[in-house]
């Protein structure tokens, strides 16, 4: 299944990636973090036939690798001598080369028993979509967010923060191949972490929200928490707080974020604590700020989507039945006008809506053929390009602009 997605902005990925230099001491620390190294089982001995034994004895193959054995050179074979001129150079695999016109997508995949991040390339001109490289993970990813700089230094780059069923966060360098160790890991939570959000207005701030009832703001310079908030209304000693399901920084106000939980929706100011709450008592699995940083959307398990103005959350502006089953994802397109959103659900449908008139208008819908859908994201560089992942181990790219133009004709 595809459990989470995140686009990589254009221009941050080199044409050809370097290979990772994995440090053994760091690897040992990482293995200890994720539960210890699994020792490989010795392969069982395979009996050989009498015929094979005769061949081994005839050609003394037991001593084949011993030192002192010198083969006479074969004059018909020309070795690949680096000092010879006009040697054929290995060709650069076109599929491995990142072009300026490519759009890159991080795909969180779980195919039992393996979990991984895959960086996929979407060639818009050729309309081809394929995996470029893969990072293996210890647990299937619940949330992925892209980060524009190296942890601690802030040097420009391309990184992914990944949360999972485990209680730590991993940050991976996406511009290297064959990496087996994350660039950094963050440890605070005591349970799984369904939500991450990077703050582009404060590029060293990462938000995480956990089943353990806390939301944490991380300083990516120090790799430590800058603030931790209990989710939900105040509780007595030992009482559990609300379990997080989704969280997102406000796109316009750098200190404001909201957390959807199993007990309602809560908004916080990182400097002062809770600002407001709404739909307390209702589980809120999805949340999305609109581009203005004022309006937002969330949903109920019934398939209903709710639309609010954050300046007055006591009343909904409107609600509408988006799906016949549980809504699993909402994404806001970055096009300012018209305001377009995508919703996905367990009913296997992806639907595109316009909120421009103040009343939701369904523009497009598609049964994606991937079982229940779990995640959707609009591309930051091509705002009408939507990625959708579901229960099957595949991702679909939907060019909404193309379909909308065809409908107009």
Protein backbone atom coordinates (compact mmCIF):
# COMPACT_ATOMS: atom_id res chain seq x y z
CA UNK A 1 0.00 0.00 0.00
CA UNK A 2 0.98 3.64 -0.46
CA UNK A 3 0.70 5.27 2.95
CA UNK A 4 2.10 8.76 2.37
CA UNK A 5 3.39 11.08 -0.37
CA UNK A 6 5.41 14.29 -0.67
CA UNK A 7 6.58 16.24 -3.72
CA UNK A 8 10.16 17.43 -4.12
CA UNK A 9 10.35 20.99 -5.52
CA UNK A 10 12.04 21.38 -8.88
CA UNK A 11 15.64 22.51 -8.97
CA UNK A 12 16.91 20.97 -5.72
CA UNK A 13 17.96 17.59 -7.14
CA UNK A 14 21.23 17.25 -9.09
CA UNK A 15 21.24 15.66 -12.52
CA UNK A 16 23.20 12.64 -11.23
CA UNK A 17 23.12 11.58 -7.56
CA UNK A 18 26.16 10.59 -5.51
CA UNK A 19 26.52 7.29 -3.69
CA UNK A 20 26.23 7.26 0.09
CA UNK A 21 29.25 6.87 2.36
CA UNK A 22 27.71 4.84 5.17
CA UNK A 23 29.55 5.07 8.50
CA UNK A 24 29.71 1.76 10.40
CA UNK A 25 29.62 3.32 13.87
CA UNK A 26 26.57 5.40 12.91
CA UNK A 27 24.98 2.31 11.42
CA UNK A 28 25.40 0.43 14.71
CA UNK A 29 23.72 3.27 16.62
CA UNK A 30 20.87 3.32 14.12
CA UNK A 31 20.39 -0.46 14.31
CA UNK A 32 20.22 -0.23 18.08
CA UNK A 33 17.61 2.52 17.74
CA UNK A 34 15.32 0.49 15.49
CA UNK A 35 15.57 -2.66 17.57
CA UNK A 36 18.96 -4.28 16.99
CA UNK A 37 20.64 -5.99 14.09
CA UNK A 38 19.08 -9.22 12.85
CA UNK A 39 21.74 -11.87 12.58
CA UNK A 40 21.68 -13.71 9.33
CA UNK A 41 21.13 -17.45 9.39
CA UNK A 42 24.00 -19.58 7.99
CA UNK A 43 23.09 -21.14 4.68
CA UNK A 44 22.59 -24.90 4.86
CA UNK A 45 25.31 -27.03 3.30
CA UNK A 46 24.36 -28.44 -0.09
CA UNK A 47 25.66 -31.97 -0.88
CA UNK A 48 27.48 -32.25 -4.21
CA UNK A 49 27.09 -35.05 -6.70
CA UNK A 50 29.83 -37.55 -7.55
CA UNK A 51 30.15 -35.93 -10.97
CA UNK A 52 30.73 -32.45 -9.43
CA UNK A 53 33.22 -33.93 -6.97
CA UNK A 54 35.19 -35.45 -9.86
CA UNK A 55 35.31 -32.07 -11.65
CA UNK A 56 36.50 -30.30 -8.46
CA UNK A 57 39.26 -32.88 -8.01
CA UNK A 58 40.32 -32.84 -11.69
CA UNK A 59 40.77 -29.06 -11.86
CA UNK A 60 41.85 -28.58 -8.23
CA UNK A 61 39.02 -26.09 -7.72
CA UNK A 62 39.37 -26.24 -3.95
CA UNK A 63 42.62 -24.27 -4.36
CA UNK A 64 41.34 -21.99 -7.12
CA UNK A 65 41.48 -18.84 -4.97
CA UNK A 66 44.80 -19.63 -3.28
CA UNK A 67 47.69 -17.22 -3.79
CA UNK A 68 50.52 -18.24 -6.05
CA UNK A 69 48.32 -19.35 -8.91
CA UNK A 70 49.25 -17.34 -12.00
CA UNK A 71 47.29 -17.70 -15.20
CA UNK A 72 49.03 -17.08 -18.51
CA UNK A 73 47.50 -14.12 -20.31
CA UNK A 74 45.32 -14.84 -23.29
CA UNK A 75 46.51 -12.67 -26.18
CA UNK A 76 42.99 -12.60 -27.66
CA UNK A 77 41.53 -10.88 -24.59
CA UNK A 78 42.11 -7.14 -24.12
CA UNK A 79 41.73 -6.00 -20.51
CA UNK A 80 40.06 -2.66 -19.69
CA UNK A 81 43.21 -0.61 -19.15
CA UNK A 82 42.49 2.89 -17.83
CA UNK A 83 45.59 4.20 -19.63
CA UNK A 84 44.51 3.00 -23.06
CA UNK A 85 42.93 5.61 -25.26
CA UNK A 86 39.64 5.35 -27.13
CA UNK A 87 38.18 3.00 -24.52
CA UNK A 88 34.38 2.87 -24.69
CA UNK A 89 32.95 4.83 -21.75
CA UNK A 90 30.00 3.48 -19.78
CA UNK A 91 26.85 5.16 -21.00
CA UNK A 92 24.81 7.22 -18.58
CA UNK A 93 21.46 5.52 -18.07
CA UNK A 94 18.84 7.99 -19.25
CA UNK A 95 16.36 6.79 -16.61
CA UNK A 96 18.88 7.60 -13.86
CA UNK A 97 19.39 11.19 -15.05
CA UNK A 98 17.22 13.90 -13.49
CA UNK A 99 16.10 16.40 -16.13
CA UNK A 100 15.04 19.99 -15.51
CA UNK A 101 11.57 19.11 -16.79
CA UNK A 102 11.12 16.21 -14.33
CA UNK A 103 8.83 16.32 -11.31
CA UNK A 104 9.97 14.20 -8.34
CA UNK A 105 7.69 12.54 -5.82
CA UNK A 106 8.55 10.77 -2.54
CA UNK A 107 6.40 7.67 -2.16
CA UNK A 108 5.99 5.90 1.17
CA UNK A 109 5.32 2.26 0.44
CA UNK A 110 4.53 -0.82 2.51
CA UNK A 111 4.54 -4.26 0.90
CA UNK A 112 4.61 -6.81 3.70
CA UNK A 113 7.14 -7.37 5.19
CA UNK A 114 9.08 -4.45 3.67
CA UNK A 115 8.67 -0.69 4.02
CA UNK A 116 10.45 1.92 1.95
CA UNK A 117 10.72 5.42 0.57
CA UNK A 118 10.85 5.54 -3.21
CA UNK A 119 11.78 8.66 -5.14
CA UNK A 120 9.75 8.56 -8.36
CA UNK A 121 10.25 10.62 -11.49
CA UNK A 122 7.30 11.97 -13.46
CA UNK A 123 8.36 13.02 -16.95
CA UNK A 124 5.56 15.41 -17.90
CA UNK A 125 6.58 15.60 -21.55
CA UNK A 126 6.67 11.84 -22.03
CA UNK A 127 3.91 11.17 -19.48
CA UNK A 128 6.07 8.45 -17.92
CA UNK A 129 6.26 7.71 -14.19
CA UNK A 130 8.89 5.42 -12.71
CA UNK A 131 10.92 4.81 -9.50
CA UNK A 132 14.41 6.34 -9.49
CA UNK A 133 15.88 5.12 -6.19
CA UNK A 134 14.75 3.55 -2.93
CA UNK A 135 15.47 3.84 0.79
CA UNK A 136 14.53 0.92 3.03
CA UNK A 137 12.72 1.75 6.28
CA UNK A 138 12.26 -0.19 9.54
CA UNK A 139 8.50 0.46 9.65
CA UNK A 140 5.90 1.63 7.15
CA UNK A 141 5.79 5.43 6.85
CA UNK A 142 2.77 7.24 8.27
CA UNK A 143 3.83 10.73 7.23
CA UNK A 144 6.48 12.31 4.98
CA UNK A 145 7.41 15.95 4.64
CA UNK A 146 10.08 17.49 2.46
CA UNK A 147 12.74 19.76 4.06
CA UNK A 148 14.98 22.16 2.15
CA UNK A 149 18.16 21.92 4.25
CA UNK A 150 20.55 19.62 6.04
CA UNK A 151 19.78 19.00 9.72
CA UNK A 152 21.99 21.04 12.07
CA UNK A 153 23.87 22.98 9.36
CA UNK A 154 20.93 24.16 7.29
CA UNK A 155 23.00 23.77 4.12
CA UNK A 156 20.69 23.72 1.07
CA UNK A 157 19.65 20.25 -0.01
CA UNK A 158 16.74 17.87 -0.35
CA UNK A 159 15.68 15.88 2.71
CA UNK A 160 12.64 13.94 3.86
CA UNK A 161 11.41 13.73 7.44
CA UNK A 162 9.62 10.41 7.91
CA UNK A 163 7.48 9.19 10.78
CA UNK A 164 6.20 5.67 11.24
CA UNK A 165 4.65 3.18 13.63
CA UNK A 166 7.85 3.51 15.65
CA UNK A 167 8.26 6.38 18.10
CA UNK A 168 11.12 8.27 16.43
CA UNK A 169 11.46 10.47 13.35
CA UNK A 170 14.07 9.87 10.64
CA UNK A 171 15.49 12.49 8.28
CA UNK A 172 16.91 11.11 5.01
CA UNK A 173 19.08 12.76 2.38
CA UNK A 174 17.26 12.31 -0.92
CA UNK A 175 20.22 13.36 -3.07
CA UNK A 176 22.29 10.24 -2.37
CA UNK A 177 21.93 6.66 -3.53
CA UNK A 178 22.16 3.46 -1.48
CA UNK A 179 21.85 5.24 1.85
CA UNK A 180 21.17 2.91 4.78
CA UNK A 181 21.54 5.46 7.59
CA UNK A 182 19.37 8.56 8.03
CA UNK A 183 21.12 11.93 8.27
CA UNK A 184 19.48 12.46 11.67
CA UNK A 185 16.83 11.02 13.93
CA UNK A 186 14.60 12.72 16.50
CA UNK A 187 13.52 11.02 19.72
CA UNK A 188 10.82 12.35 22.05
CA UNK A 189 7.51 10.60 21.45
CA UNK A 190 6.54 7.36 23.15
CA UNK A 191 4.15 6.06 20.48
CA UNK A 192 3.62 6.14 16.72
CA UNK A 193 3.63 9.50 14.90
CA UNK A 194 0.87 9.91 12.28
CA UNK A 195 1.64 13.54 11.37
CA UNK A 196 4.62 15.69 10.38
CA UNK A 197 4.69 19.22 8.98
CA UNK A 198 7.70 21.33 7.99
CA UNK A 199 7.44 25.10 8.40
CA UNK A 200 8.75 26.91 5.28
CA UNK A 201 8.32 30.25 7.11
CA UNK A 202 10.72 29.01 9.81
CA UNK A 203 12.87 26.50 8.00
CA UNK A 204 14.42 25.02 11.16
CA UNK A 205 10.99 24.22 12.64
CA UNK A 206 9.44 20.76 12.26
CA UNK A 207 6.09 19.80 13.79
CA UNK A 208 5.25 16.26 14.87
CA UNK A 209 2.02 14.97 16.42
CA UNK A 210 1.71 11.57 18.05
CA UNK A 211 -0.68 8.95 19.33
CA UNK A 212 0.97 9.56 22.73
CA UNK A 213 -1.10 12.75 23.09
CA UNK A 214 1.62 15.31 22.42
CA UNK A 215 2.59 17.68 19.61
CA UNK A 216 6.26 18.61 19.45
CA UNK A 217 8.07 21.46 17.72
CA UNK A 218 11.61 20.48 16.78
CA UNK A 219 14.59 22.77 16.29
CA UNK A 220 16.40 21.18 13.33
CA UNK A 221 19.62 23.03 14.31
CA UNK A 222 19.87 21.25 17.65
CA UNK A 223 17.71 18.18 16.85
CA UNK A 224 15.89 18.81 20.13
CA UNK A 225 12.33 19.84 20.97
CA UNK A 226 11.78 23.59 21.25
CA UNK A 227 8.27 23.14 22.70
CA UNK A 228 5.88 20.30 23.53
CA UNK A 229 2.09 20.62 23.87
CA UNK A 230 -0.47 18.22 25.29
CA UNK A 231 -3.23 17.73 22.71
CA UNK A 232 -6.74 18.57 23.86
CA UNK A 233 -8.29 20.16 26.89
CA UNK A 234 -6.52 20.01 30.29
CA UNK A 235 -6.61 16.63 32.08
CA UNK A 236 -6.03 15.35 35.56
CA UNK A 237 -2.81 13.60 36.61
CA UNK A 238 -2.30 10.35 34.70
CA UNK A 239 -5.19 10.93 32.28
CA UNK A 240 -4.42 10.41 28.60
CA UNK A 241 -4.58 13.29 26.17
CA UNK A 242 -6.12 13.22 22.68
CA UNK A 243 -4.43 11.03 20.08
CA UNK A 244 -3.16 12.97 17.06
CA UNK A 245 -4.22 11.97 13.56
CA UNK A 246 -3.16 14.95 11.43
CA UNK A 247 -1.31 18.26 11.86
CA UNK A 248 -0.25 21.20 9.68
CA UNK A 249 1.49 24.57 10.04
CA UNK A 250 -0.45 27.62 8.90
CA UNK A 251 0.85 28.79 5.48
CA UNK A 252 0.74 32.48 6.44
CA UNK A 253 1.30 32.64 10.22
CA UNK A 254 4.65 31.12 11.13
CA UNK A 255 3.81 30.28 14.75
CA UNK A 256 0.31 28.83 14.23
CA UNK A 257 -0.48 25.14 13.70
CA UNK A 258 -3.51 22.87 14.04
CA UNK A 259 -3.83 19.26 15.16
CA UNK A 260 -6.71 16.94 14.29
CA UNK A 261 -7.27 14.22 16.88
CA UNK A 262 -9.66 11.51 17.97
CA UNK A 263 -11.35 14.11 20.19
CA UNK A 264 -11.62 17.12 17.90
CA UNK A 265 -9.55 19.84 16.23
CA UNK A 266 -7.17 22.06 18.20
CA UNK A 267 -5.19 25.11 17.08
CA UNK A 268 -2.03 26.30 18.84
CA UNK A 269 0.29 29.28 18.85
CA UNK A 270 3.80 27.92 19.35
CA UNK A 271 4.55 30.90 21.60
CA UNK A 272 1.47 30.76 23.82
CA UNK A 273 -0.43 27.47 23.65
CA UNK A 274 -3.97 26.64 22.55
CA UNK A 275 -5.78 29.34 20.55
CA UNK A 276 -9.07 27.63 19.75
CA UNK A 277 -10.77 24.26 19.40
CA UNK A 278 -13.74 23.00 17.44
CA UNK A 279 -15.83 19.85 17.00
CA UNK A 280 -14.65 18.62 20.38
CA UNK A 281 -15.80 15.03 20.83
CA UNK A 282 -15.63 14.25 17.09
CA UNK A 283 -12.68 12.33 15.59
CA UNK A 284 -10.86 14.48 13.01
CA UNK A 285 -8.64 12.41 10.72
CA UNK A 286 -7.98 15.03 8.05
CA UNK A 287 -7.07 18.72 8.03
CA UNK A 288 -5.93 21.26 5.45
CA UNK A 289 -5.37 25.01 5.58
CA UNK A 290 -6.38 26.88 2.46
CA UNK A 291 -3.93 29.24 0.79
CA UNK A 292 -5.15 32.33 2.65
CA UNK A 293 -4.15 30.87 6.04
CA UNK A 294 -7.61 31.77 7.37
CA UNK A 295 -9.99 29.12 6.08
CA UNK A 296 -9.54 25.40 6.64
CA UNK A 297 -11.17 22.04 5.96
CA UNK A 298 -11.56 18.94 8.05
CA UNK A 299 -13.81 15.88 7.84
CA UNK A 300 -15.92 13.38 9.73
CA UNK A 301 -15.94 9.58 9.52
CA UNK A 302 -19.29 9.78 7.76
CA UNK A 303 -17.64 11.20 4.61
CA UNK A 304 -18.71 14.76 5.35
CA UNK A 305 -16.23 17.62 4.80
CA UNK A 306 -16.46 20.72 7.03
CA UNK A 307 -15.42 24.25 6.01
CA UNK A 308 -14.46 26.88 8.61
CA UNK A 309 -13.14 30.40 9.06
CA UNK A 310 -10.48 30.25 11.78
CA UNK A 311 -11.49 33.71 13.02
CA UNK A 312 -14.80 32.24 14.20
CA UNK A 313 -14.81 28.48 14.69
CA UNK A 314 -18.04 28.38 16.66
CA UNK A 315 -19.99 27.93 13.40
CA UNK A 316 -19.20 26.11 10.16
CA UNK A 317 -19.41 28.14 7.00
CA UNK A 318 -20.76 25.02 5.28
CA UNK A 319 -20.40 21.27 5.09
CA UNK A 320 -20.90 18.82 2.24
CA UNK A 321 -21.02 15.07 1.65
CA UNK A 322 -17.78 14.43 -0.20
CA UNK A 323 -17.69 10.61 0.01
CA UNK A 324 -19.95 7.73 0.91
CA UNK A 325 -17.37 6.42 3.36
CA UNK A 326 -14.60 7.75 5.58
CA UNK A 327 -12.64 10.69 4.10
CA UNK A 328 -8.94 9.81 4.31
CA UNK A 329 -7.31 12.87 2.79
CA UNK A 330 -7.82 16.51 1.78
CA UNK A 331 -5.35 18.54 -0.30
CA UNK A 332 -5.56 22.22 -1.22
CA UNK A 333 -4.31 23.27 -4.65
CA UNK A 334 -1.88 26.23 -4.56
CA UNK A 335 -3.68 28.02 -7.38
CA UNK A 336 -5.12 31.17 -5.80
CA UNK A 337 -8.20 31.39 -7.98
CA UNK A 338 -10.32 29.40 -8.33
CA UNK A 339 -9.78 27.67 -4.97
CA UNK A 340 -9.62 23.97 -5.80
CA UNK A 341 -9.33 21.07 -3.38
CA UNK A 342 -9.06 17.30 -3.72
CA UNK A 343 -10.66 14.78 -1.40
CA UNK A 344 -10.09 11.02 -1.24
CA UNK A 345 -11.86 8.29 0.66
CA UNK A 346 -12.27 4.67 1.55
CA UNK A 347 -14.89 4.50 -1.21
CA UNK A 348 -11.93 4.44 -3.69
CA UNK A 349 -12.87 7.80 -5.24
CA UNK A 350 -10.82 10.94 -5.71
CA UNK A 351 -12.96 14.04 -6.20
CA UNK A 352 -12.02 17.56 -7.26
CA UNK A 353 -14.03 20.50 -5.89
CA UNK A 354 -14.17 24.25 -6.45
CA UNK A 355 -14.88 26.45 -3.43
CA UNK A 356 -14.82 29.67 -5.44
CA UNK A 357 -18.52 30.54 -5.20
CA UNK A 358 -18.79 29.87 -1.47
CA UNK A 359 -20.66 26.65 -2.20
CA UNK A 360 -18.71 23.47 -3.06
CA UNK A 361 -18.97 22.48 -6.71
CA UNK A 362 -17.78 19.04 -7.82
CA UNK A 363 -15.65 19.44 -10.93
CA UNK A 364 -14.24 15.94 -11.48
CA UNK A 365 -14.27 12.49 -9.93
CA UNK A 366 -12.46 9.26 -10.64
CA UNK A 367 -12.53 5.78 -9.17
CA UNK A 368 -8.77 5.35 -9.03
CA UNK A 369 -8.89 1.54 -9.09
CA UNK A 370 -6.48 1.26 -6.16
CA UNK A 371 -8.83 0.17 -3.40
CA UNK A 372 -9.32 2.52 -0.44
CA UNK A 373 -7.25 5.69 -0.92
CA UNK A 374 -4.91 6.93 1.82
CA UNK A 375 -2.96 9.98 0.64
CA UNK A 376 -3.02 12.78 -1.94
CA UNK A 377 -0.77 15.79 -2.64
CA UNK A 378 -0.74 18.61 -5.19
CA UNK A 379 2.57 19.40 -6.87
CA UNK A 380 4.10 22.74 -5.74
CA UNK A 381 5.61 23.47 -9.18
CA UNK A 382 2.67 22.38 -11.30
CA UNK A 383 -0.27 23.14 -9.01
CA UNK A 384 -2.92 21.14 -10.90
CA UNK A 385 -0.88 17.95 -10.87
CA UNK A 386 -2.18 15.59 -8.18
CA UNK A 387 -0.52 12.45 -6.80
CA UNK A 388 -2.76 9.81 -5.18
CA UNK A 389 -1.82 6.63 -3.30
CA UNK A 390 -3.99 3.78 -2.10
CA UNK A 391 -4.25 0.23 -0.93
CA UNK A 392 -2.47 -1.21 -3.95
CA UNK A 393 1.29 -0.68 -4.16
CA UNK A 394 1.00 1.94 -6.89
CA UNK A 395 0.70 5.70 -7.23
CA UNK A 396 -1.34 7.59 -9.80
CA UNK A 397 -0.64 11.04 -11.21
CA UNK A 398 -3.72 13.00 -12.28
CA UNK A 399 -3.34 16.05 -14.53
CA UNK A 400 -6.47 17.89 -13.41
CA UNK A 401 -5.86 20.91 -15.63
CA UNK A 402 -5.95 18.70 -18.71
CA UNK A 403 -9.27 17.13 -17.74
CA UNK A 404 -10.82 20.47 -16.78
CA UNK A 405 -9.87 21.93 -20.17
CA UNK A 406 -11.35 18.93 -21.96
CA UNK A 407 -14.61 19.37 -20.06
CA UNK A 408 -14.78 23.02 -21.14
CA UNK A 409 -14.49 21.99 -24.77
